[in-house]
Amino acid sequence: MKVHISATLDENLLSRVNDYCKRYERPKTWVISKSVEKFLKETEEEVPFSEVEWKKIERISGKKGRIYPSANKFLKALEKV
């Protein structure tokens, strides 16, 4: 089921979307959906830690906050220790 949303885009970005849609005869909905899907796929590949795991990381590192944005980056950093 599709749901209607409203979004605000930068003028230049919207112009690029419009140009793409005209050139490839695609609706804006398709372009935006594909872009969001690609973004989510790329960012979900590096799964963040749970809150409990972040607390352990803070305790181990001695630093507060999410100093490593993903599990992969944290594990790479641990390899150097």
Protein backbone atom coordinates (compact mmCIF):
# COMPACT_ATOMS: atom_id res chain seq x y z
CA MET A 1 0.00 0.00 0.00
CA LYS A 2 1.37 3.40 -0.93
CA VAL A 3 1.07 6.38 1.39
CA HIS A 4 1.14 10.05 0.46
CA ILE A 5 3.90 12.14 2.07
CA SER A 6 5.07 15.71 1.74
CA ALA A 7 8.73 16.64 1.50
CA THR A 8 10.71 19.84 1.08
CA LEU A 9 13.65 19.69 -1.31
CA ASP A 10 16.36 22.16 -2.21
CA GLU A 11 15.43 24.04 -5.37
CA ASN A 12 18.49 22.76 -7.25
CA LEU A 13 17.85 19.15 -6.22
CA LEU A 14 14.23 19.35 -7.33
CA SER A 15 15.36 20.77 -10.66
CA ARG A 16 17.72 17.80 -11.10
CA VAL A 17 14.91 15.38 -10.22
CA ASN A 18 12.59 17.06 -12.71
CA ASP A 19 15.24 16.94 -15.45
CA TYR A 20 15.87 13.24 -14.78
CA CYS A 21 12.15 12.47 -14.86
CA LYS A 22 11.71 14.22 -18.19
CA ARG A 23 14.79 12.61 -19.72
CA TYR A 24 13.94 9.05 -18.67
CA GLU A 25 10.16 9.40 -18.62
CA ARG A 26 9.85 8.39 -14.97
CA PRO A 27 7.49 9.84 -12.36
CA LYS A 28 9.00 11.72 -9.40
CA THR A 29 7.52 9.12 -7.05
CA TRP A 30 9.58 6.40 -8.73
CA VAL A 31 12.83 8.41 -8.63
CA ILE A 32 12.40 9.42 -4.99
CA SER A 33 11.39 5.88 -3.93
CA LYS A 34 14.42 4.35 -5.67
CA SER A 35 16.70 6.96 -4.09
CA VAL A 36 15.37 6.30 -0.60
CA GLU A 37 15.65 2.54 -1.11
CA LYS A 38 19.28 2.90 -2.22
CA PHE A 39 20.10 5.21 0.70
CA LEU A 40 18.57 2.82 3.23
CA LYS A 41 20.31 -0.20 1.74
CA GLU A 42 23.68 1.54 1.88
CA THR A 43 23.25 2.84 5.43
CA GLU A 44 21.67 -0.31 6.84
CA GLU A 45 24.68 -2.38 5.78
CA GLU A 46 26.52 -1.01 8.81
CA VAL A 47 24.16 -1.99 11.61
CA PRO A 48 24.49 0.25 14.68
CA PHE A 49 24.92 -1.20 18.14
CA SER A 50 22.06 -1.50 20.61
CA GLU A 51 21.86 0.95 23.52
CA VAL A 52 23.35 -1.67 25.86
CA GLU A 53 26.27 -2.24 23.49
CA TRP A 54 26.89 1.51 23.19
CA LYS A 55 27.10 1.74 27.00
CA LYS A 56 29.74 -1.02 26.97
CA ILE A 57 31.67 0.80 24.25
CA GLU A 58 31.55 4.04 26.26
CA ARG A 59 32.85 2.19 29.33
CA ILE A 60 35.65 0.48 27.37
CA SER A 61 36.71 3.60 25.47
CA GLY A 62 36.31 5.99 28.40
CA LYS A 63 34.42 8.36 26.10
CA LYS A 64 30.75 9.32 26.15
CA GLY A 65 28.57 9.36 23.07
CA ARG A 66 28.51 7.38 19.93
CA ILE A 67 32.07 7.80 18.88
CA TYR A 68 31.78 5.03 16.28
CA PRO A 69 28.77 5.28 13.95
CA SER A 70 28.68 1.58 13.15
CA ALA A 71 29.70 -1.86 14.24
CA ASN A 72 32.11 -2.25 11.32
CA LYS A 73 33.95 0.98 12.12
CA PHE A 74 34.17 0.11 15.80
CA LEU A 75 35.53 -3.37 15.06
CA LYS A 76 38.13 -1.88 12.71
CA ALA A 77 39.15 0.54 15.45
CA LEU A 78 39.43 -2.33 17.94
CA GLU A 79 41.82 -4.14 15.60
CA LYS A 80 44.28 -1.27 16.05
CA VAL A 81 44.27 -1.59 19.84
